[in-house]
Amino acid sequence: MKKKHWYILAPFLTAALILFDQLTKYLARRDLVDEPFTIIDKVFKLKLLSNQGAAWGMLQGRVSILSFISIALMGLLVYFFIKIPEDKKFYILRVLFIFVFAGALGNLIDRFYQGYVTDFLYIELIDFPIFNVADVYITFAMFGVFLLIVFIYKEEDLEFFTFGKPKNKSGKNNIEQASGEECSAEKESVIPGNKEQDSTEQDSTEQENTDKNTSEV
């Protein structure tokens, strides 16, 4: 699939993920205000929480800082998403990037419009901090990216994870390498010409000396 096709698919997939996240949060705010809803007794329940921090209750009250971090994260995701090669082995990486982007944007929408993030998924069995669907997007997608980097991709596959032009093994970027090769080729083409010119001048000098000696005799 060419990059231009991904640029069309990505907004639609992102919109679908955000729509589902926002729908679940809306239903949570509507139906879980009075009391939690138990899915599995003492294991998993739906419990409404207005979270003014990050995922799982971290950085409480830092809405402005968290909003800035979210925007910066989404900017980096877009930057590297564009740089991902078209090779098929990177398809799943693109999808995971979309999930992380959708999760970050889903929670950012909450912070902008409500001043807090709606959380409602609660694993009571281990008393895990309450989270939401957007957090699930981010967590599982980042875990997937980690697995790809560690077990699937080689070092040279990840050269696009840089700011600027990708570098080759010698540490030079491709344009610099190509420029160096052109200069070398020009030097090689000039050197033989110089040698031929020097040889011609030497032969001419020898001929002049011979003629001069003959004339003296």
N, C-alpha and C. Protein backbone atom coordinates (compact mmCIF):
# COMPACT_ATOMS: atom_id res chain seq x y z
N MET A 1 0.84 -1.19 0.00
CA MET A 1 0.00 0.00 0.00
C MET A 1 0.88 1.25 0.00
N LYS A 2 0.64 2.16 -0.92
CA LYS A 2 1.44 3.36 -1.05
C LYS A 2 1.11 4.35 0.08
N LYS A 3 2.04 5.27 0.31
CA LYS A 3 1.86 6.23 1.39
C LYS A 3 0.59 7.05 1.21
N LYS A 4 0.28 7.42 -0.03
CA LYS A 4 -0.90 8.25 -0.25
C LYS A 4 -2.18 7.53 0.18
N HIS A 5 -2.18 6.18 0.07
CA HIS A 5 -3.34 5.41 0.52
C HIS A 5 -3.43 5.42 2.05
N TRP A 6 -2.26 5.37 2.70
CA TRP A 6 -2.25 5.44 4.16
C TRP A 6 -2.72 6.81 4.63
N TYR A 7 -2.39 7.85 3.89
CA TYR A 7 -2.81 9.19 4.27
C TYR A 7 -4.33 9.35 4.17
N ILE A 8 -4.96 8.52 3.35
CA ILE A 8 -6.42 8.52 3.26
C ILE A 8 -7.03 7.64 4.35
N LEU A 9 -6.41 6.47 4.57
CA LEU A 9 -6.94 5.51 5.54
C LEU A 9 -6.77 6.00 6.97
N ALA A 10 -5.64 6.59 7.28
CA ALA A 10 -5.32 6.98 8.66
C ALA A 10 -6.37 7.90 9.28
N PRO A 11 -6.83 8.96 8.61
CA PRO A 11 -7.85 9.83 9.23
C PRO A 11 -9.16 9.10 9.52
N PHE A 12 -9.56 8.19 8.62
CA PHE A 12 -10.81 7.46 8.83
C PHE A 12 -10.69 6.50 10.01
N LEU A 13 -9.57 5.78 10.09
CA LEU A 13 -9.36 4.86 11.21
C LEU A 13 -9.24 5.63 12.52
N THR A 14 -8.54 6.74 12.50
CA THR A 14 -8.41 7.58 13.70
C THR A 14 -9.77 8.08 14.16
N ALA A 15 -10.58 8.56 13.21
CA ALA A 15 -11.91 9.07 13.55
C ALA A 15 -12.78 7.97 14.15
N ALA A 16 -12.71 6.76 13.60
CA ALA A 16 -13.52 5.65 14.12
C ALA A 16 -13.10 5.30 15.54
N LEU A 17 -11.80 5.26 15.80
CA LEU A 17 -11.30 4.94 17.14
C LEU A 17 -11.70 6.02 18.15
N ILE A 18 -11.58 7.28 17.76
CA ILE A 18 -11.96 8.37 18.66
C ILE A 18 -13.47 8.37 18.91
N LEU A 19 -14.24 8.09 17.88
CA LEU A 19 -15.69 8.04 18.04
C LEU A 19 -16.09 6.97 19.05
N PHE A 20 -15.49 5.80 18.95
CA PHE A 20 -15.80 4.73 19.91
C PHE A 20 -15.38 5.13 21.32
N ASP A 21 -14.20 5.72 21.44
CA ASP A 21 -13.72 6.17 22.77
C ASP A 21 -14.67 7.20 23.37
N GLN A 22 -15.06 8.19 22.59
CA GLN A 22 -15.94 9.24 23.09
C GLN A 22 -17.34 8.71 23.41
N LEU A 23 -17.80 7.74 22.62
CA LEU A 23 -19.11 7.15 22.88
C LEU A 23 -19.12 6.41 24.22
N THR A 24 -18.08 5.65 24.48
CA THR A 24 -18.02 4.92 25.76
C THR A 24 -17.94 5.89 26.94
N LYS A 25 -17.22 6.98 26.77
CA LYS A 25 -17.12 7.96 27.85
C LYS A 25 -18.46 8.66 28.08
N TYR A 26 -19.16 8.94 27.00
CA TYR A 26 -20.48 9.57 27.12
C TYR A 26 -21.45 8.65 27.87
N LEU A 27 -21.44 7.38 27.52
CA LEU A 27 -22.32 6.42 28.20
C LEU A 27 -21.94 6.27 29.67
N ALA A 28 -20.64 6.32 29.94
CA ALA A 28 -20.19 6.23 31.34
C ALA A 28 -20.69 7.41 32.14
N ARG A 29 -20.57 8.61 31.59
CA ARG A 29 -21.04 9.81 32.30
C ARG A 29 -22.55 9.80 32.47
N ARG A 30 -23.25 9.19 31.55
CA ARG A 30 -24.71 9.17 31.62
C ARG A 30 -25.24 8.10 32.56
N ASP A 31 -24.62 6.93 32.58
CA ASP A 31 -25.21 5.78 33.28
C ASP A 31 -24.49 5.38 34.57
N LEU A 32 -23.31 5.91 34.81
CA LEU A 32 -22.54 5.46 35.97
C LEU A 32 -22.41 6.52 37.06
N VAL A 33 -23.22 7.56 36.96
CA VAL A 33 -23.12 8.65 37.94
C VAL A 33 -23.52 8.18 39.33
N ASP A 34 -24.58 7.43 39.43
CA ASP A 34 -25.11 7.04 40.75
C ASP A 34 -24.33 5.90 41.39
N GLU A 35 -24.03 4.86 40.61
CA GLU A 35 -23.32 3.71 41.18
C GLU A 35 -22.59 2.95 40.08
N PRO A 36 -21.55 2.18 40.46
CA PRO A 36 -20.81 1.39 39.48
C PRO A 36 -21.67 0.24 38.93
N PHE A 37 -21.21 -0.28 37.81
CA PHE A 37 -21.88 -1.43 37.21
C PHE A 37 -20.91 -2.60 37.21
N THR A 38 -21.28 -3.68 37.90
CA THR A 38 -20.38 -4.83 38.04
C THR A 38 -20.50 -5.75 36.83
N ILE A 39 -19.35 -6.06 36.24
CA ILE A 39 -19.28 -7.02 35.13
C ILE A 39 -18.99 -8.41 35.69
N ILE A 40 -17.92 -8.52 36.45
CA ILE A 40 -17.57 -9.76 37.16
C ILE A 40 -17.35 -9.39 38.62
N ASP A 41 -18.11 -9.96 39.50
CA ASP A 41 -18.07 -9.58 40.91
C ASP A 41 -16.65 -9.69 41.47
N LYS A 42 -16.19 -8.61 42.09
CA LYS A 42 -14.89 -8.50 42.74
C LYS A 42 -13.72 -8.68 41.77
N VAL A 43 -13.99 -8.61 40.49
CA VAL A 43 -12.94 -8.75 39.48
C VAL A 43 -12.88 -7.53 38.56
N PHE A 44 -14.01 -7.22 37.91
CA PHE A 44 -14.03 -6.13 36.95
C PHE A 44 -15.37 -5.42 36.98
N LYS A 45 -15.29 -4.08 37.03
CA LYS A 45 -16.53 -3.30 37.04
C LYS A 45 -16.33 -1.97 36.31
N LEU A 46 -17.46 -1.33 36.01
CA LEU A 46 -17.45 0.00 35.41
C LEU A 46 -17.72 1.00 36.51
N LYS A 47 -16.77 1.91 36.72
CA LYS A 47 -16.86 2.85 37.83
C LYS A 47 -16.41 4.22 37.34
N LEU A 48 -17.28 5.20 37.41
CA LEU A 48 -17.00 6.52 36.86
C LEU A 48 -15.97 7.28 37.71
N LEU A 49 -15.03 7.91 37.01
CA LEU A 49 -14.02 8.72 37.68
C LEU A 49 -13.66 9.90 36.77
N SER A 50 -13.65 11.10 37.34
CA SER A 50 -13.21 12.29 36.61
C SER A 50 -11.72 12.50 36.90
N ASN A 51 -10.90 12.19 35.94
CA ASN A 51 -9.46 12.17 36.13
C ASN A 51 -8.83 13.45 35.58
N GLN A 52 -8.25 14.26 36.45
CA GLN A 52 -7.57 15.48 36.04
C GLN A 52 -6.07 15.27 35.85
N GLY A 53 -5.66 14.01 35.81
CA GLY A 53 -4.25 13.69 35.58
C GLY A 53 -4.06 12.91 34.30
N ALA A 54 -2.98 12.14 34.27
CA ALA A 54 -2.66 11.32 33.11
C ALA A 54 -3.28 9.93 33.29
N ALA A 55 -2.84 9.02 32.45
CA ALA A 55 -3.37 7.66 32.53
C ALA A 55 -3.11 7.06 33.91
N TRP A 56 -4.12 6.36 34.42
CA TRP A 56 -4.05 5.66 35.70
C TRP A 56 -3.83 6.62 36.87
N GLY A 57 -4.30 7.87 36.71
CA GLY A 57 -4.29 8.81 37.83
C GLY A 57 -3.00 9.53 38.09
N MET A 58 -2.02 9.42 37.21
CA MET A 58 -0.74 10.10 37.44
C MET A 58 -0.86 11.59 37.12
N LEU A 59 0.02 12.39 37.73
CA LEU A 59 0.11 13.84 37.48
C LEU A 59 -1.23 14.54 37.64
N GLN A 60 -1.86 14.34 38.75
CA GLN A 60 -3.17 14.95 39.01
C GLN A 60 -3.10 16.48 39.01
N GLY A 61 -4.07 17.12 38.38
CA GLY A 61 -4.17 18.57 38.36
C GLY A 61 -3.25 19.27 37.37
N ARG A 62 -2.48 18.52 36.60
CA ARG A 62 -1.56 19.12 35.62
C ARG A 62 -2.16 19.09 34.23
N VAL A 63 -3.35 19.62 34.08
CA VAL A 63 -4.08 19.53 32.81
C VAL A 63 -3.32 20.24 31.69
N SER A 64 -2.81 21.45 31.95
CA SER A 64 -2.11 22.21 30.91
C SER A 64 -0.85 21.49 30.45
N ILE A 65 -0.08 20.98 31.41
CA ILE A 65 1.15 20.26 31.06
C ILE A 65 0.83 19.00 30.27
N LEU A 66 -0.17 18.27 30.71
CA LEU A 66 -0.55 17.04 30.03
C LEU A 66 -1.07 17.32 28.62
N SER A 67 -1.78 18.42 28.45
CA SER A 67 -2.27 18.80 27.12
C SER A 67 -1.10 19.10 26.20
N PHE A 68 -0.11 19.83 26.71
CA PHE A 68 1.07 20.15 25.91
C PHE A 68 1.81 18.87 25.52
N ILE A 69 1.98 17.95 26.48
CA ILE A 69 2.66 16.68 26.20
C ILE A 69 1.91 15.89 25.13
N SER A 70 0.58 15.88 25.22
CA SER A 70 -0.23 15.16 24.24
C SER A 70 -0.05 15.73 22.84
N ILE A 71 -0.05 17.06 22.75
CA ILE A 71 0.11 17.71 21.45
C ILE A 71 1.49 17.41 20.87
N ALA A 72 2.52 17.47 21.72
CA ALA A 72 3.89 17.17 21.27
C ALA A 72 3.99 15.72 20.81
N LEU A 73 3.38 14.81 21.56
CA LEU A 73 3.40 13.40 21.20
C LEU A 73 2.72 13.18 19.85
N MET A 74 1.59 13.80 19.64
CA MET A 74 0.88 13.63 18.36
C MET A 74 1.68 14.21 17.20
N GLY A 75 2.39 15.32 17.46
CA GLY A 75 3.24 15.89 16.42
C GLY A 75 4.36 14.94 16.02
N LEU A 76 4.99 14.31 17.00
CA LEU A 76 6.04 13.33 16.72
C LEU A 76 5.48 12.13 15.97
N LEU A 77 4.30 11.68 16.36
CA LEU A 77 3.69 10.54 15.69
C LEU A 77 3.43 10.83 14.22
N VAL A 78 2.93 12.02 13.93
CA VAL A 78 2.67 12.39 12.54
C VAL A 78 3.98 12.47 11.76
N TYR A 79 5.01 13.06 12.38
CA TYR A 79 6.31 13.21 11.72
C TYR A 79 6.89 11.86 11.34
N PHE A 80 6.91 10.93 12.29
CA PHE A 80 7.49 9.63 12.01
C PHE A 80 6.57 8.75 11.17
N PHE A 81 5.26 8.97 11.27
CA PHE A 81 4.32 8.23 10.42
C PHE A 81 4.61 8.53 8.95
N ILE A 82 4.89 9.78 8.65
CA ILE A 82 5.20 10.17 7.27
C ILE A 82 6.52 9.54 6.81
N LYS A 83 7.47 9.36 7.73
CA LYS A 83 8.78 8.84 7.36
C LYS A 83 8.83 7.31 7.28
N ILE A 84 7.80 6.63 7.77
CA ILE A 84 7.80 5.17 7.73
C ILE A 84 7.86 4.69 6.27
N PRO A 85 8.77 3.78 5.93
CA PRO A 85 8.86 3.27 4.55
C PRO A 85 7.58 2.56 4.11
N GLU A 86 7.44 2.38 2.79
CA GLU A 86 6.23 1.77 2.24
C GLU A 86 6.25 0.24 2.34
N ASP A 87 7.35 -0.34 2.74
CA ASP A 87 7.47 -1.80 2.81
C ASP A 87 6.35 -2.41 3.65
N LYS A 88 5.89 -3.59 3.23
CA LYS A 88 4.76 -4.26 3.90
C LYS A 88 5.04 -4.56 5.37
N LYS A 89 6.30 -4.80 5.70
CA LYS A 89 6.61 -5.16 7.09
C LYS A 89 6.36 -4.01 8.06
N PHE A 90 6.13 -2.80 7.53
CA PHE A 90 5.85 -1.66 8.39
C PHE A 90 4.36 -1.34 8.49
N TYR A 91 3.51 -2.14 7.86
CA TYR A 91 2.07 -1.87 7.90
C TYR A 91 1.54 -1.88 9.33
N ILE A 92 1.93 -2.91 10.08
CA ILE A 92 1.42 -3.02 11.45
C ILE A 92 1.94 -1.88 12.31
N LEU A 93 3.15 -1.40 12.03
CA LEU A 93 3.69 -0.27 12.79
C LEU A 93 2.85 0.98 12.53
N ARG A 94 2.43 1.17 11.29
CA ARG A 94 1.57 2.32 10.97
C ARG A 94 0.25 2.24 11.74
N VAL A 95 -0.34 1.04 11.78
CA VAL A 95 -1.61 0.87 12.50
C VAL A 95 -1.43 1.16 13.98
N LEU A 96 -0.33 0.71 14.55
CA LEU A 96 -0.07 0.96 15.97
C LEU A 96 0.12 2.45 16.23
N PHE A 97 0.77 3.15 15.33
CA PHE A 97 0.92 4.60 15.46
C PHE A 97 -0.45 5.28 15.46
N ILE A 98 -1.34 4.79 14.61
CA ILE A 98 -2.68 5.37 14.53
C ILE A 98 -3.41 5.17 15.85
N PHE A 99 -3.27 4.00 16.46
CA PHE A 99 -3.92 3.73 17.75
C PHE A 99 -3.39 4.65 18.84
N VAL A 100 -2.07 4.85 18.87
CA VAL A 100 -1.50 5.75 19.88
C VAL A 100 -2.00 7.18 19.66
N PHE A 101 -2.02 7.61 18.40
CA PHE A 101 -2.49 8.96 18.07
C PHE A 101 -3.95 9.13 18.48
N ALA A 102 -4.78 8.15 18.16
CA ALA A 102 -6.20 8.23 18.49
C ALA A 102 -6.41 8.27 20.01
N GLY A 103 -5.63 7.47 20.74
CA GLY A 103 -5.75 7.48 22.20
C GLY A 103 -5.36 8.81 22.80
N ALA A 104 -4.25 9.37 22.32
CA ALA A 104 -3.79 10.67 22.83
C ALA A 104 -4.80 11.77 22.51
N LEU A 105 -5.32 11.75 21.28
CA LEU A 105 -6.29 12.77 20.89
C LEU A 105 -7.62 12.59 21.62
N GLY A 106 -8.03 11.35 21.87
CA GLY A 106 -9.27 11.09 22.59
C GLY A 106 -9.25 11.70 23.99
N ASN A 107 -8.15 11.51 24.69
CA ASN A 107 -8.03 12.09 26.04
C ASN A 107 -7.83 13.60 25.99
N LEU A 108 -7.17 14.09 24.93
CA LEU A 108 -6.97 15.53 24.79
C LEU A 108 -8.32 16.24 24.58
N ILE A 109 -9.20 15.61 23.84
CA ILE A 109 -10.54 16.18 23.64
C ILE A 109 -11.25 16.36 24.98
N ASP A 110 -11.13 15.36 25.84
CA ASP A 110 -11.75 15.45 27.18
C ASP A 110 -11.19 16.64 27.95
N ARG A 111 -9.87 16.80 27.93
CA ARG A 111 -9.24 17.87 28.71
C ARG A 111 -9.66 19.24 28.20
N PHE A 112 -9.79 19.38 26.88
CA PHE A 112 -10.18 20.67 26.31
C PHE A 112 -11.63 21.03 26.62
N TYR A 113 -12.51 20.05 26.49
CA TYR A 113 -13.93 20.35 26.60
C TYR A 113 -14.49 20.18 28.02
N GLN A 114 -13.82 19.38 28.85
CA GLN A 114 -14.36 19.12 30.18
C GLN A 114 -13.41 19.50 31.31
N GLY A 115 -12.14 19.63 30.98
CA GLY A 115 -11.16 19.93 32.02
C GLY A 115 -10.69 18.70 32.75
N TYR A 116 -11.15 17.56 32.35
CA TYR A 116 -10.74 16.28 32.96
C TYR A 116 -10.99 15.17 31.95
N VAL A 117 -10.45 14.00 32.25
CA VAL A 117 -10.62 12.82 31.40
C VAL A 117 -11.58 11.86 32.09
N THR A 118 -12.53 11.34 31.33
CA THR A 118 -13.50 10.39 31.88
C THR A 118 -12.90 8.98 31.88
N ASP A 119 -12.73 8.42 33.06
CA ASP A 119 -12.26 7.04 33.23
C ASP A 119 -13.39 6.21 33.82
N PHE A 120 -13.43 4.93 33.46
CA PHE A 120 -14.54 4.11 33.97
C PHE A 120 -14.25 2.61 33.99
N LEU A 121 -13.10 2.18 33.51
CA LEU A 121 -12.76 0.75 33.52
C LEU A 121 -11.94 0.45 34.76
N TYR A 122 -12.45 -0.43 35.60
CA TYR A 122 -11.81 -0.68 36.89
C TYR A 122 -11.62 -2.19 37.10
N ILE A 123 -10.34 -2.60 37.21
CA ILE A 123 -10.02 -4.00 37.52
C ILE A 123 -9.92 -4.11 39.04
N GLU A 124 -11.02 -4.50 39.63
CA GLU A 124 -11.11 -4.52 41.09
C GLU A 124 -10.24 -5.60 41.70
N LEU A 125 -10.01 -6.68 40.98
CA LEU A 125 -9.26 -7.82 41.50
C LEU A 125 -7.87 -7.41 42.00
N ILE A 126 -7.21 -6.53 41.27
CA ILE A 126 -5.87 -6.09 41.66
C ILE A 126 -5.87 -4.60 42.04
N ASP A 127 -7.05 -4.03 42.18
CA ASP A 127 -7.21 -2.62 42.54
C ASP A 127 -6.38 -1.73 41.61
N PHE A 128 -6.49 -2.02 40.31
CA PHE A 128 -5.74 -1.27 39.29
C PHE A 128 -6.39 0.10 39.09
N PRO A 129 -5.58 1.16 38.90
CA PRO A 129 -6.15 2.49 38.69
C PRO A 129 -7.17 2.49 37.54
N ILE A 130 -8.24 3.23 37.72
CA ILE A 130 -9.32 3.28 36.73
C ILE A 130 -8.80 3.94 35.44
N PHE A 131 -9.19 3.38 34.30
CA PHE A 131 -8.71 3.89 33.01
C PHE A 131 -9.86 3.91 32.02
N ASN A 132 -9.54 4.21 30.75
CA ASN A 132 -10.59 4.29 29.73
C ASN A 132 -10.13 3.62 28.43
N VAL A 133 -10.96 3.70 27.42
CA VAL A 133 -10.66 3.03 26.15
C VAL A 133 -9.44 3.65 25.47
N ALA A 134 -9.31 4.98 25.53
CA ALA A 134 -8.16 5.64 24.93
C ALA A 134 -6.86 5.17 25.57
N ASP A 135 -6.87 4.96 26.89
CA ASP A 135 -5.69 4.43 27.56
C ASP A 135 -5.35 3.03 27.05
N VAL A 136 -6.37 2.25 26.76
CA VAL A 136 -6.16 0.90 26.22
C VAL A 136 -5.49 0.99 24.85
N TYR A 137 -5.97 1.90 24.01
CA TYR A 137 -5.34 2.11 22.70
C TYR A 137 -3.84 2.35 22.86
N ILE A 138 -3.51 3.31 23.71
CA ILE A 138 -2.11 3.73 23.86
C ILE A 138 -1.26 2.61 24.44
N THR A 139 -1.76 1.97 25.50
CA THR A 139 -0.97 0.95 26.20
C THR A 139 -0.66 -0.24 25.31
N PHE A 140 -1.67 -0.80 24.68
CA PHE A 140 -1.45 -1.99 23.85
C PHE A 140 -0.66 -1.65 22.58
N ALA A 141 -0.89 -0.46 22.02
CA ALA A 141 -0.15 -0.07 20.82
C ALA A 141 1.33 0.13 21.14
N MET A 142 1.63 0.79 22.26
CA MET A 142 3.03 0.99 22.64
C MET A 142 3.71 -0.33 22.96
N PHE A 143 2.98 -1.24 23.56
CA PHE A 143 3.54 -2.56 23.82
C PHE A 143 3.82 -3.28 22.50
N GLY A 144 2.93 -3.12 21.54
CA GLY A 144 3.15 -3.71 20.22
C GLY A 144 4.36 -3.12 19.53
N VAL A 145 4.54 -1.81 19.62
CA VAL A 145 5.72 -1.16 19.03
C VAL A 145 6.99 -1.69 19.68
N PHE A 146 6.95 -1.85 20.98
CA PHE A 146 8.11 -2.39 21.71
C PHE A 146 8.48 -3.79 21.19
N LEU A 147 7.48 -4.64 21.03
CA LEU A 147 7.74 -6.00 20.54
C LEU A 147 8.32 -5.99 19.13
N LEU A 148 7.80 -5.12 18.28
CA LEU A 148 8.30 -5.03 16.90
C LEU A 148 9.76 -4.60 16.88
N ILE A 149 10.09 -3.60 17.70
CA ILE A 149 11.46 -3.09 17.72
C ILE A 149 12.43 -4.13 18.26
N VAL A 150 12.02 -4.86 19.28
CA VAL A 150 12.91 -5.81 19.94
C VAL A 150 13.04 -7.12 19.17
N PHE A 151 11.94 -7.62 18.63
CA PHE A 151 11.94 -8.97 18.07
C PHE A 151 11.80 -9.05 16.54
N ILE A 152 11.34 -8.03 15.89
CA ILE A 152 11.05 -8.12 14.46
C ILE A 152 12.01 -7.28 13.61
N TYR A 153 12.09 -6.01 13.90
CA TYR A 153 12.86 -5.12 13.05
C TYR A 153 14.35 -5.17 13.38
N LYS A 154 15.16 -5.00 12.33
CA LYS A 154 16.60 -4.90 12.49
C LYS A 154 16.98 -3.44 12.66
N GLU A 155 18.23 -3.22 13.03
CA GLU A 155 18.68 -1.85 13.28
C GLU A 155 18.53 -0.97 12.05
N GLU A 156 18.88 -1.52 10.87
CA GLU A 156 18.79 -0.72 9.65
C GLU A 156 17.34 -0.43 9.26
N ASP A 157 16.39 -1.25 9.75
CA ASP A 157 14.97 -0.99 9.46
C ASP A 157 14.46 0.26 10.15
N LEU A 158 15.13 0.66 11.22
CA LEU A 158 14.64 1.76 12.04
C LEU A 158 15.42 3.05 11.82
N GLU A 159 16.13 3.15 10.70
CA GLU A 159 16.91 4.35 10.42
C GLU A 159 16.03 5.58 10.24
N PHE A 160 14.75 5.36 9.91
CA PHE A 160 13.86 6.50 9.72
C PHE A 160 13.50 7.17 11.04
N PHE A 161 13.80 6.51 12.18
CA PHE A 161 13.52 7.11 13.49
C PHE A 161 14.61 8.13 13.84
N THR A 162 14.84 9.06 12.95
CA THR A 162 15.81 10.12 13.18
C THR A 162 15.21 11.44 12.70
N PHE A 163 15.78 12.54 13.19
CA PHE A 163 15.36 13.85 12.72
C PHE A 163 16.31 14.27 11.62
N GLY A 164 15.81 14.37 10.42
CA GLY A 164 16.65 14.69 9.27
C GLY A 164 16.75 13.51 8.33
N LYS A 165 17.82 13.48 7.55
CA LYS A 165 17.98 12.45 6.53
C LYS A 165 18.55 11.20 7.16
N PRO A 166 18.06 10.00 6.78
CA PRO A 166 18.62 8.76 7.31
C PRO A 166 20.08 8.59 6.94
N LYS A 167 20.85 7.97 7.83
CA LYS A 167 22.28 7.79 7.60
C LYS A 167 22.59 6.35 7.25
N ASN A 168 23.70 6.16 6.52
CA ASN A 168 24.15 4.81 6.22
C ASN A 168 25.09 4.35 7.33
N LYS A 169 25.70 3.19 7.16
CA LYS A 169 26.51 2.61 8.22
C LYS A 169 27.75 3.45 8.52
N SER A 170 28.27 4.18 7.53
CA SER A 170 29.46 4.98 7.74
C SER A 170 29.18 6.28 8.47
N GLY A 171 27.84 6.58 8.70
CA GLY A 171 27.48 7.77 9.43
C GLY A 171 27.16 8.94 8.53
N LYS A 172 27.25 8.77 7.22
CA LYS A 172 26.93 9.84 6.29
C LYS A 172 25.56 9.60 5.69
N ASN A 173 24.86 10.68 5.43
CA ASN A 173 23.55 10.49 4.82
C ASN A 173 23.71 10.17 3.35
N ASN A 174 22.62 9.72 2.74
CA ASN A 174 22.67 9.23 1.38
C ASN A 174 23.10 10.29 0.38
N ILE A 175 22.67 11.53 0.57
CA ILE A 175 23.01 12.59 -0.36
C ILE A 175 24.50 12.90 -0.29
N GLU A 176 25.04 12.93 0.95
CA GLU A 176 26.46 13.18 1.09
C GLU A 176 27.28 12.08 0.44
N GLN A 177 26.82 10.83 0.59
CA GLN A 177 27.52 9.70 0.02
C GLN A 177 27.52 9.79 -1.51
N ALA A 178 26.35 10.11 -2.07
CA ALA A 178 26.24 10.21 -3.52
C ALA A 178 27.12 11.34 -4.04
N SER A 179 27.17 12.47 -3.31
CA SER A 179 28.00 13.59 -3.72
C SER A 179 29.47 13.22 -3.70
N GLY A 180 29.86 12.46 -2.68
CA GLY A 180 31.25 12.02 -2.59
C GLY A 180 31.63 11.10 -3.72
N GLU A 181 30.69 10.21 -4.10
CA GLU A 181 30.96 9.30 -5.20
C GLU A 181 31.11 10.05 -6.52
N GLU A 182 30.30 11.11 -6.71
CA GLU A 182 30.38 11.90 -7.93
C GLU A 182 31.73 12.62 -8.01
N CYS A 183 32.17 13.15 -6.87
CA CYS A 183 33.46 13.84 -6.85
C CYS A 183 34.60 12.88 -7.19
N SER A 184 34.53 11.66 -6.65
CA SER A 184 35.56 10.66 -6.91
C SER A 184 35.58 10.31 -8.39
N ALA A 185 34.41 10.18 -8.98
CA ALA A 185 34.32 9.83 -10.40
C ALA A 185 34.90 10.95 -11.26
N GLU A 186 34.65 12.21 -10.86
CA GLU A 186 35.18 13.33 -11.62
C GLU A 186 36.70 13.35 -11.54
N LYS A 187 37.24 13.07 -10.35
CA LYS A 187 38.69 13.06 -10.19
C LYS A 187 39.32 11.98 -11.04
N GLU A 188 38.68 10.80 -11.08
CA GLU A 188 39.21 9.69 -11.86
C GLU A 188 39.21 10.01 -13.34
N SER A 189 38.16 10.75 -13.77
CA SER A 189 38.07 11.09 -15.19
C SER A 189 39.07 12.17 -15.56
N VAL A 190 39.46 13.01 -14.59
CA VAL A 190 40.40 14.10 -14.87
C VAL A 190 41.83 13.61 -14.84
N ILE A 191 42.17 12.73 -13.93
CA ILE A 191 43.55 12.27 -13.75
C ILE A 191 44.12 11.64 -15.01
N PRO A 192 43.41 10.68 -15.68
CA PRO A 192 43.97 10.10 -16.92
C PRO A 192 44.25 11.17 -17.95
N GLY A 193 43.39 12.16 -18.05
CA GLY A 193 43.59 13.24 -19.01
C GLY A 193 44.87 14.00 -18.72
N ASN A 194 45.14 14.24 -17.44
CA ASN A 194 46.35 14.95 -17.05
C ASN A 194 47.60 14.14 -17.40
N LYS A 195 47.50 12.82 -17.17
CA LYS A 195 48.63 11.95 -17.46
C LYS A 195 48.94 11.97 -18.95
N GLU A 196 47.88 11.91 -19.79
CA GLU A 196 48.08 11.92 -21.23
C GLU A 196 48.71 13.23 -21.67
N GLN A 197 48.24 14.34 -21.05
CA GLN A 197 48.78 15.65 -21.40
C GLN A 197 50.26 15.74 -21.03
N ASP A 198 50.62 15.25 -19.83
CA ASP A 198 52.01 15.27 -19.40
C ASP A 198 52.89 14.44 -20.33
N SER A 199 52.37 13.27 -20.76
CA SER A 199 53.11 12.39 -21.64
C SER A 199 53.36 13.05 -22.98
N THR A 200 52.34 13.75 -23.48
CA THR A 200 52.47 14.44 -24.77
C THR A 200 53.52 15.54 -24.69
N GLU A 201 53.49 16.32 -23.59
CA GLU A 201 54.46 17.38 -23.42
C GLU A 201 55.88 16.83 -23.33
N GLN A 202 56.03 15.68 -22.64
CA GLN A 202 57.36 15.07 -22.50
C GLN A 202 57.89 14.62 -23.85
N ASP A 203 57.04 13.99 -24.67
CA ASP A 203 57.45 13.53 -26.00
C ASP A 203 57.86 14.71 -26.86
N SER A 204 57.11 15.82 -26.76
CA SER A 204 57.41 17.02 -27.55
C SER A 204 58.76 17.59 -27.16
N THR A 205 59.06 17.60 -25.87
CA THR A 205 60.35 18.12 -25.39
C THR A 205 61.50 17.27 -25.90
N GLU A 206 61.33 15.95 -25.80
CA GLU A 206 62.38 15.04 -26.28
C GLU A 206 62.64 15.23 -27.77
N GLN A 207 61.58 15.43 -28.55
CA GLN A 207 61.71 15.61 -29.99
C GLN A 207 62.47 16.90 -30.30
N GLU A 208 62.16 17.96 -29.52
CA GLU A 208 62.87 19.23 -29.73
C GLU A 208 64.35 19.10 -29.42
N ASN A 209 64.68 18.37 -28.35
CA ASN A 209 66.08 18.16 -27.99
C ASN A 209 66.82 17.38 -29.08
N THR A 210 66.16 16.36 -29.65
CA THR A 210 66.76 15.55 -30.71
C THR A 210 67.06 16.38 -31.94
N ASP A 211 66.06 17.22 -32.32
CA ASP A 211 66.24 18.08 -33.49
C ASP A 211 67.38 19.08 -33.29
N LYS A 212 67.50 19.59 -32.05
CA LYS A 212 68.52 20.55 -31.75
C LYS A 212 69.91 19.93 -31.85
N ASN A 213 70.02 18.70 -31.32
CA ASN A 213 71.32 18.00 -31.39
C ASN A 213 71.72 17.72 -32.84
N THR A 214 70.72 17.32 -33.63
CA THR A 214 70.98 17.00 -35.04
C THR A 214 71.44 18.25 -35.79
N SER A 215 70.85 19.38 -35.47
CA SER A 215 71.21 20.63 -36.11
C SER A 215 72.61 21.04 -35.76
N GLU A 216 73.03 20.85 -34.51
CA GLU A 216 74.39 21.18 -34.10
C GLU A 216 75.43 20.34 -34.79
N VAL A 217 75.10 19.08 -34.99
CA VAL A 217 76.03 18.18 -35.68
C VAL A 217 76.19 18.61 -37.13
